[in-house]
Amino acid sequence: MFGLTKKIRYAVVGSGQISQQAFMPGIGQTKHSELAALVTGDPVKADKLAKQYGIPAYHYDDLPKLIAGDEIDAFYIATPNFKHRQYAVPVLEGGKHVLLEKAMEASVEDCEAIIAAQKKGGGKLMIAYRLHCEPGTVELITRAQKGDFGRLMMFNSTFGQNFSEENHRGHSGYWAGPVPDSGTYPLNAVRNLFGEEPLEVRALGVKTPGRSFDFHDTVSVTLTFPDNRLAHFLVSYACSMVEEFTLVGDKGTVHAAPCFMFGPGEGISYTATIDEKKEERPHKAVEQFGGETDYFSECILNDRDPEPNGEEGLMDVRVLAAIERALETGEVQKLAPAKRSRHVEPDQVRNLKLAKEPTPDQMISIVPQSA
């Protein structure tokens, strides 16, 4: 058991945009976490980021030494998701803790291997669903599960951006494309709002003329849930920025916008109309990356298992894999009935002050994702 004044020392594995823009600044807003090391294959990033944050930088080849040593307690892994197993398994088998970016991996098999490694090593595993600690999101999930909007029936969401074709993720296949990236947000939202897992998946994708992405850049997904509930989301890498969702019950309707992003101006807010009475529920923007890290560190310090664990990550990935099959075959994909053992709890909420994010030109060796 850690002492009450202990700070969890994090190593960042992967020095891409999300690490530089959000996690590394955000961790400074927490009480029980500190940035202690960087692991990267880029010597320029290693040199400059190490000097900027006053931390040592290591190469990926040095990871076994860091795992075996006493300098690091937890690892934030933000490599491309199809490399998560490669780094998460040895860390977890070594008994250290892992905060793993979403999507959890690029196959159900890889997710199961990560979960098995966590059970073997005994460290804690949290999937970085930052919105599970965000005030407006948690409030809305709690209200939906309490029945404030009646029997939930429908969900519809649109989430898109004009993604830069120069970014490496534009040429790394389906698992780097808009469905695992953007689609994870509405998928995770509706699973938690409904409190159920989908049974059927349908998908239709298109490629925008003049774009060079090696995947469908715009995808429509329809999910069938138990009790005849329907959900639909549309994601794109070829449109102007948009993020919104609508949740419909037999007693009330919710419209949320903004609802998925982070940073200034991104307080997750919604309008609820219940029995024809409208209520506005605005929420100020909070430090989401610091918030999830603060929650995870407190779980480690108090020996509690975090809520968005490996099971939560796996539940999303099995749907993402089914969407990939549906796009390839044009056929409806059926999923085995499933139940989660954990659900979002109100005490996960964190209201940390926003960290100052670097501008795109201040980040090192980055091709910004948005064009």
Protein backbone atom coordinates (compact mmCIF):
# COMPACT_ATOMS: atom_id res chain seq x y z
CA MET A 1 0.00 0.00 0.00
CA PHE A 2 1.28 3.44 -0.94
CA GLY A 3 1.50 6.17 1.66
CA LEU A 4 -1.12 8.90 1.69
CA THR A 5 1.31 11.50 0.37
CA LYS A 6 2.69 9.23 -2.35
CA LYS A 7 2.61 10.41 -5.95
CA ILE A 8 2.24 7.84 -8.72
CA ARG A 9 5.17 8.21 -11.11
CA TYR A 10 4.15 7.88 -14.76
CA ALA A 11 6.18 7.05 -17.83
CA VAL A 12 4.63 8.12 -21.13
CA VAL A 13 5.04 5.49 -23.85
CA GLY A 14 4.57 7.15 -27.23
CA SER A 15 5.22 10.84 -27.91
CA GLY A 16 2.57 11.63 -30.51
CA GLN A 17 0.02 14.42 -30.53
CA ILE A 18 -2.24 13.14 -27.75
CA SER A 19 0.71 12.76 -25.36
CA GLN A 20 2.18 16.18 -26.13
CA GLN A 21 -1.05 18.11 -26.43
CA ALA A 22 -3.05 16.63 -23.57
CA PHE A 23 -1.59 14.01 -21.25
CA MET A 24 1.79 15.56 -20.45
CA PRO A 25 0.35 19.02 -19.64
CA GLY A 26 -2.72 17.55 -17.90
CA ILE A 27 -0.88 15.39 -15.38
CA GLY A 28 0.42 18.57 -13.75
CA GLN A 29 -3.12 19.41 -12.60
CA THR A 30 -3.39 16.31 -10.41
CA LYS A 31 -2.55 15.89 -6.71
CA HIS A 32 -1.22 12.35 -6.68
CA SER A 33 0.49 11.93 -10.07
CA GLU A 34 3.73 13.10 -11.60
CA LEU A 35 5.42 12.83 -14.97
CA ALA A 36 8.61 10.83 -14.44
CA ALA A 37 9.84 9.55 -17.83
CA LEU A 38 9.26 9.45 -21.57
CA VAL A 39 9.64 6.42 -23.84
CA THR A 40 9.91 7.19 -27.56
CA GLY A 41 11.69 6.06 -30.70
CA ASP A 42 12.20 9.64 -31.93
CA PRO A 43 15.51 11.13 -30.74
CA VAL A 44 14.39 14.70 -31.49
CA LYS A 45 11.27 14.34 -29.37
CA ALA A 46 13.28 12.56 -26.69
CA ASP A 47 15.76 15.41 -26.41
CA LYS A 48 13.34 18.33 -26.56
CA LEU A 49 10.55 16.90 -24.42
CA ALA A 50 12.99 15.66 -21.80
CA LYS A 51 14.41 19.16 -21.46
CA GLN A 52 10.97 20.79 -21.48
CA TYR A 53 9.62 18.62 -18.65
CA GLY A 54 12.84 17.91 -16.81
CA ILE A 55 12.49 14.14 -17.12
CA PRO A 56 14.67 11.36 -18.52
CA ALA A 57 13.86 9.97 -21.96
CA TYR A 58 14.29 6.35 -22.99
CA HIS A 59 14.07 4.33 -26.19
CA TYR A 60 11.53 1.53 -26.58
CA ASP A 61 14.42 -0.91 -26.24
CA ASP A 62 14.88 0.36 -22.68
CA LEU A 63 11.35 -0.59 -21.64
CA PRO A 64 12.33 -3.88 -19.91
CA LYS A 65 14.77 -1.95 -17.70
CA LEU A 66 12.08 0.56 -16.73
CA ILE A 67 9.60 -2.21 -15.94
CA ALA A 68 12.10 -4.01 -13.72
CA GLY A 69 13.28 -0.85 -11.96
CA ASP A 70 11.84 1.14 -9.08
CA GLU A 71 11.63 4.55 -10.77
CA ILE A 72 8.22 4.11 -12.44
CA ASP A 73 4.87 3.05 -10.94
CA ALA A 74 2.55 3.36 -13.94
CA PHE A 75 2.80 3.63 -17.71
CA TYR A 76 0.55 5.74 -19.94
CA ILE A 77 0.57 3.96 -23.31
CA ALA A 78 -0.38 6.12 -26.30
CA THR A 79 1.18 4.30 -29.23
CA PRO A 80 -0.99 3.42 -32.26
CA ASN A 81 -3.68 1.12 -30.89
CA PHE A 82 -2.54 -1.86 -32.95
CA LYS A 83 0.73 -1.72 -30.96
CA HIS A 84 -0.89 -1.59 -27.51
CA ARG A 85 -0.49 -5.31 -26.82
CA GLN A 86 3.20 -5.11 -27.70
CA TYR A 87 3.87 -2.64 -24.87
CA ALA A 88 1.05 -3.22 -22.39
CA VAL A 89 1.62 -6.97 -21.92
CA PRO A 90 5.23 -6.80 -20.68
CA VAL A 91 4.42 -3.84 -18.40
CA LEU A 92 1.44 -5.62 -16.86
CA GLU A 93 3.21 -8.97 -16.57
CA GLY A 94 5.96 -7.08 -14.75
CA GLY A 95 3.44 -6.02 -12.11
CA LYS A 96 3.28 -2.33 -13.05
CA HIS A 97 0.10 -0.32 -13.68
CA VAL A 98 -1.14 0.74 -17.14
CA LEU A 99 -3.34 3.60 -18.31
CA LEU A 100 -4.01 2.50 -21.88
CA GLU A 101 -5.38 4.74 -24.61
CA LYS A 102 -8.48 3.70 -26.50
CA ALA A 103 -9.33 1.87 -28.62
CA MET A 104 -7.83 -0.84 -26.37
CA GLU A 105 -6.32 -2.80 -29.29
CA ALA A 106 -7.10 -3.89 -32.84
CA SER A 107 -8.65 -7.31 -32.12
CA VAL A 108 -10.57 -9.15 -29.44
CA GLU A 109 -7.68 -11.61 -29.14
CA ASP A 110 -5.22 -8.82 -28.38
CA CYS A 111 -7.55 -7.33 -25.76
CA GLU A 112 -7.88 -10.71 -24.08
CA ALA A 113 -4.08 -11.04 -24.02
CA ILE A 114 -3.78 -7.67 -22.28
CA ILE A 115 -6.42 -8.64 -19.70
CA ALA A 116 -4.63 -11.95 -19.07
CA ALA A 117 -1.34 -10.07 -18.54
CA GLN A 118 -3.00 -7.81 -15.98
CA LYS A 119 -4.34 -10.80 -14.05
CA LYS A 120 -0.93 -12.47 -14.18
CA GLY A 121 1.08 -9.46 -12.99
CA GLY A 122 -1.42 -8.03 -10.52
CA GLY A 123 -1.05 -4.37 -11.50
CA LYS A 124 -4.06 -2.23 -12.34
CA LEU A 125 -5.30 -1.63 -15.87
CA MET A 126 -7.47 1.31 -16.88
CA ILE A 127 -8.57 2.14 -20.40
CA ALA A 128 -8.36 5.90 -20.94
CA TYR A 129 -12.05 6.73 -21.27
CA ARG A 130 -11.55 10.28 -20.02
CA LEU A 131 -15.28 11.05 -20.28
CA HIS A 132 -15.96 8.51 -17.51
CA CYS A 133 -14.56 11.18 -15.17
CA GLU A 134 -16.13 14.21 -16.90
CA PRO A 135 -18.98 15.90 -14.96
CA GLY A 136 -21.59 16.35 -17.69
CA THR A 137 -21.11 12.89 -19.14
CA VAL A 138 -21.30 11.12 -15.79
CA GLU A 139 -24.36 13.15 -14.84
CA LEU A 140 -26.12 12.19 -18.06
CA ILE A 141 -25.27 8.49 -17.76
CA THR A 142 -26.48 8.49 -14.15
CA ARG A 143 -29.77 10.17 -15.10
CA ALA A 144 -30.32 7.80 -18.01
CA GLN A 145 -29.84 4.77 -15.79
CA LYS A 146 -32.13 6.26 -13.09
CA GLY A 147 -34.92 6.48 -15.65
CA ASP A 148 -35.20 10.27 -15.89
CA PHE A 149 -35.91 9.97 -19.63
CA GLY A 150 -38.15 6.93 -19.37
CA ARG A 151 -37.53 3.73 -21.30
CA LEU A 152 -34.63 4.51 -23.61
CA MET A 153 -35.42 3.77 -27.25
CA MET A 154 -33.09 5.55 -29.68
CA PHE A 155 -29.64 7.11 -29.94
CA ASN A 156 -28.15 9.04 -32.87
CA SER A 157 -24.76 10.73 -33.15
CA THR A 158 -22.51 12.50 -35.65
CA PHE A 159 -18.80 12.95 -34.99
CA GLY A 160 -16.45 14.14 -37.73
CA GLN A 161 -13.47 16.26 -38.62
CA ASN A 162 -11.39 17.27 -41.62
CA PHE A 163 -8.48 14.91 -40.91
CA SER A 164 -5.08 15.74 -42.38
CA GLU A 165 -4.01 13.33 -45.11
CA GLU A 166 -0.38 14.02 -44.23
CA ASN A 167 -0.81 12.46 -40.78
CA HIS A 168 0.46 8.86 -40.65
CA ARG A 169 -2.88 7.64 -39.31
CA GLY A 170 -4.47 8.42 -42.67
CA HIS A 171 -2.57 5.55 -44.27
CA SER A 172 -2.55 2.83 -41.62
CA GLY A 173 -5.77 0.96 -42.40
CA TYR A 174 -9.13 0.55 -40.68
CA TRP A 175 -7.78 0.47 -37.12
CA ALA A 176 -6.23 3.94 -37.56
CA GLY A 177 -9.34 5.32 -39.25
CA PRO A 178 -12.49 7.12 -38.10
CA VAL A 179 -14.40 4.13 -36.71
CA PRO A 180 -11.92 3.03 -33.97
CA ASP A 181 -10.83 6.66 -33.45
CA SER A 182 -13.98 8.80 -33.55
CA GLY A 183 -16.52 5.97 -33.47
CA THR A 184 -15.36 4.73 -30.09
CA TYR A 185 -16.93 7.84 -28.52
CA PRO A 186 -20.57 7.43 -29.63
CA LEU A 187 -20.24 3.65 -29.25
CA ASN A 188 -19.04 3.95 -25.65
CA ALA A 189 -21.60 6.65 -24.94
CA VAL A 190 -24.60 4.63 -26.08
CA ARG A 191 -23.42 1.43 -24.36
CA ASN A 192 -23.21 3.32 -21.08
CA LEU A 193 -26.40 5.33 -21.59
CA PHE A 194 -28.40 2.21 -22.46
CA GLY A 195 -26.55 0.10 -19.90
CA GLU A 196 -26.62 -2.74 -22.44
CA GLU A 197 -24.42 -4.39 -25.06
CA PRO A 198 -25.42 -4.51 -28.76
CA LEU A 199 -26.60 -7.70 -30.44
CA GLU A 200 -26.35 -6.80 -34.16
CA VAL A 201 -24.14 -4.51 -36.23
CA ARG A 202 -24.74 -3.00 -39.67
CA ALA A 203 -22.30 -0.67 -41.43
CA LEU A 204 -21.93 1.25 -44.67
CA GLY A 205 -18.79 3.13 -45.66
CA VAL A 206 -17.75 5.45 -48.49
CA LYS A 207 -14.48 6.95 -49.69
CA THR A 208 -14.56 10.65 -50.52
CA PRO A 209 -13.36 11.41 -54.08
CA GLY A 210 -9.99 13.14 -54.12
CA ARG A 211 -8.93 11.76 -50.73
CA SER A 212 -6.06 9.28 -50.40
CA PHE A 213 -7.04 7.53 -47.14
CA ASP A 214 -6.64 3.73 -47.26
CA PHE A 215 -9.97 3.15 -45.46
CA HIS A 216 -13.58 4.26 -45.66
CA ASP A 217 -13.33 7.87 -44.49
CA THR A 218 -17.05 8.23 -43.79
CA VAL A 219 -18.95 5.40 -42.10
CA SER A 220 -22.55 4.90 -40.97
CA VAL A 221 -23.15 2.32 -38.22
CA THR A 222 -26.45 0.97 -36.90
CA LEU A 223 -26.61 -1.12 -33.74
CA THR A 224 -29.46 -3.23 -32.40
CA PHE A 225 -29.63 -3.59 -28.61
CA PRO A 226 -31.78 -5.78 -26.36
CA ASP A 227 -35.40 -4.70 -25.88
CA ASN A 228 -35.54 -3.42 -29.50
CA ARG A 229 -33.38 -0.38 -28.79
CA LEU A 230 -31.68 1.15 -31.83
CA ALA A 231 -28.55 3.28 -32.10
CA HIS A 232 -26.91 4.94 -35.07
CA PHE A 233 -23.73 6.95 -35.46
CA LEU A 234 -22.00 8.56 -38.41
CA VAL A 235 -18.25 9.28 -38.29
CA SER A 236 -16.02 10.96 -40.86
CA TYR A 237 -12.48 12.10 -41.52
CA ALA A 238 -13.60 14.23 -44.49
CA CYS A 239 -16.02 16.84 -43.12
CA SER A 240 -16.10 20.00 -41.07
CA MET A 241 -15.85 19.57 -37.31
CA VAL A 242 -19.05 18.20 -35.78
CA GLU A 243 -19.86 16.44 -32.49
CA GLU A 244 -23.35 15.83 -31.16
CA PHE A 245 -25.75 13.14 -30.05
CA THR A 246 -29.45 12.73 -29.35
CA LEU A 247 -30.90 10.27 -26.86
CA VAL A 248 -34.62 9.50 -26.96
CA GLY A 249 -36.78 7.81 -24.33
CA ASP A 250 -40.53 7.49 -24.00
CA LYS A 251 -40.55 10.26 -21.38
CA GLY A 252 -37.79 12.61 -22.50
CA THR A 253 -35.25 13.57 -25.14
CA VAL A 254 -31.65 14.73 -24.72
CA HIS A 255 -29.46 16.62 -27.16
CA ALA A 256 -25.78 16.97 -26.24
CA ALA A 257 -23.25 19.25 -27.97
CA PRO A 258 -20.34 19.46 -27.43
CA CYS A 259 -20.13 15.93 -26.15
CA PHE A 260 -16.87 14.12 -27.01
CA MET A 261 -13.89 16.48 -27.29
CA PHE A 262 -11.61 18.12 -24.71
CA GLY A 263 -10.01 21.49 -24.05
CA PRO A 264 -11.28 25.09 -23.74
CA GLY A 265 -14.91 25.46 -24.77
CA GLU A 266 -15.54 21.73 -24.45
CA GLY A 267 -17.70 21.57 -21.35
CA ILE A 268 -19.97 18.62 -22.04
CA SER A 269 -23.40 20.24 -22.07
CA TYR A 270 -26.89 19.06 -22.94
CA THR A 271 -30.53 20.06 -23.25
CA ALA A 272 -33.15 17.72 -21.84
CA THR A 273 -36.85 17.91 -22.68
CA ILE A 274 -38.90 15.86 -20.21
CA ASP A 275 -42.71 15.81 -20.35
CA GLU A 276 -42.49 18.84 -22.68
CA LYS A 277 -40.45 20.84 -20.16
CA LYS A 278 -37.01 21.95 -21.38
CA GLU A 279 -33.95 22.23 -19.14
CA GLU A 280 -30.49 23.43 -20.07
CA ARG A 281 -27.60 21.63 -18.38
CA PRO A 282 -24.35 23.48 -19.19
CA HIS A 283 -21.04 22.31 -17.72
CA LYS A 284 -17.77 24.19 -17.71
CA ALA A 285 -14.75 22.68 -19.42
CA VAL A 286 -12.51 20.67 -17.08
CA GLU A 287 -9.08 19.07 -17.41
CA GLN A 288 -10.14 15.68 -18.77
CA PHE A 289 -6.73 14.03 -19.12
CA GLY A 290 -5.66 15.18 -15.69
CA GLY A 291 -9.04 14.02 -14.38
CA GLU A 292 -8.73 10.46 -15.62
CA THR A 293 -5.12 10.30 -14.38
CA ASP A 294 -6.13 11.64 -10.97
CA TYR A 295 -8.84 8.98 -10.71
CA PHE A 296 -6.47 6.20 -11.78
CA SER A 297 -3.77 7.32 -9.35
CA GLU A 298 -6.27 7.33 -6.49
CA CYS A 299 -7.37 3.82 -7.48
CA ILE A 300 -3.73 2.70 -7.28
CA LEU A 301 -3.11 4.46 -3.97
CA ASN A 302 -6.27 3.02 -2.40
CA ASP A 303 -5.96 -0.42 -4.02
CA ARG A 304 -9.26 -0.10 -5.90
CA ASP A 305 -9.92 -1.46 -9.37
CA PRO A 306 -10.72 1.34 -11.86
CA GLU A 307 -14.11 1.28 -13.55
CA PRO A 308 -13.13 1.62 -17.22
CA ASN A 309 -11.03 -1.52 -17.04
CA GLY A 310 -10.01 -4.14 -19.59
CA GLU A 311 -13.54 -5.50 -19.77
CA GLU A 312 -14.86 -2.08 -20.83
CA GLY A 313 -12.19 -1.80 -23.52
CA LEU A 314 -12.93 -5.30 -24.78
CA MET A 315 -16.67 -4.60 -25.01
CA ASP A 316 -15.98 -1.72 -27.40
CA VAL A 317 -13.37 -3.56 -29.47
CA ARG A 318 -15.63 -6.55 -30.13
CA VAL A 319 -18.12 -4.10 -31.69
CA LEU A 320 -15.40 -2.26 -33.63
CA ALA A 321 -14.21 -5.61 -35.04
CA ALA A 322 -17.79 -6.45 -36.04
CA ILE A 323 -18.09 -3.10 -37.84
CA GLU A 324 -14.92 -3.94 -39.79
CA ARG A 325 -16.44 -7.29 -40.82
CA ALA A 326 -19.71 -5.60 -41.78
CA LEU A 327 -17.86 -3.12 -44.00
CA GLU A 328 -15.92 -5.93 -45.67
CA THR A 329 -18.88 -8.26 -46.26
CA GLY A 330 -21.89 -5.95 -46.44
CA GLU A 331 -23.65 -8.35 -44.10
CA VAL A 332 -25.25 -7.96 -40.69
CA GLN A 333 -22.91 -9.10 -37.92
CA LYS A 334 -24.42 -10.79 -34.89
CA LEU A 335 -22.80 -10.49 -31.46
CA ALA A 336 -23.15 -12.91 -28.57
CA PRO A 337 -25.17 -11.48 -25.65
CA ALA A 338 -22.86 -9.88 -23.08
CA LYS A 339 -23.07 -8.10 -19.73
CA ARG A 340 -20.64 -5.76 -18.01
CA SER A 341 -19.67 -6.28 -14.40
CA ARG A 342 -18.93 -2.57 -13.76
CA HIS A 343 -20.67 0.69 -14.59
CA VAL A 344 -19.81 4.39 -14.37
CA GLU A 345 -20.20 5.76 -10.82
CA PRO A 346 -20.73 9.43 -9.78
CA ASP A 347 -17.62 9.42 -7.54
CA GLN A 348 -15.43 9.11 -10.63
CA VAL A 349 -16.06 12.76 -11.51
CA ARG A 350 -13.06 15.09 -11.37
CA ASN A 351 -13.29 18.89 -11.68
CA LEU A 352 -9.69 19.90 -12.34
CA LYS A 353 -8.66 23.25 -13.77
CA LEU A 354 -7.71 23.18 -17.45
CA ALA A 355 -4.03 22.77 -18.26
CA LYS A 356 -2.50 25.03 -20.88
CA GLU A 357 -2.18 23.03 -24.08
CA PRO A 358 0.67 23.64 -26.53
CA THR A 359 -0.33 25.02 -29.91
CA PRO A 360 0.29 22.86 -33.01
CA ASP A 361 3.45 24.81 -33.85
CA GLN A 362 4.77 24.27 -30.30
CA MET A 363 4.47 20.48 -30.50
CA ILE A 364 7.54 18.59 -31.66
CA SER A 365 7.71 16.63 -34.91
CA ILE A 366 3.92 16.40 -35.17
CA VAL A 367 1.65 16.51 -38.21
CA PRO A 368 -1.58 17.82 -36.64
CA GLN A 369 -4.57 15.55 -37.13
CA SER A 370 -6.98 18.27 -38.21
CA ALA A 371 -6.37 19.74 -41.64
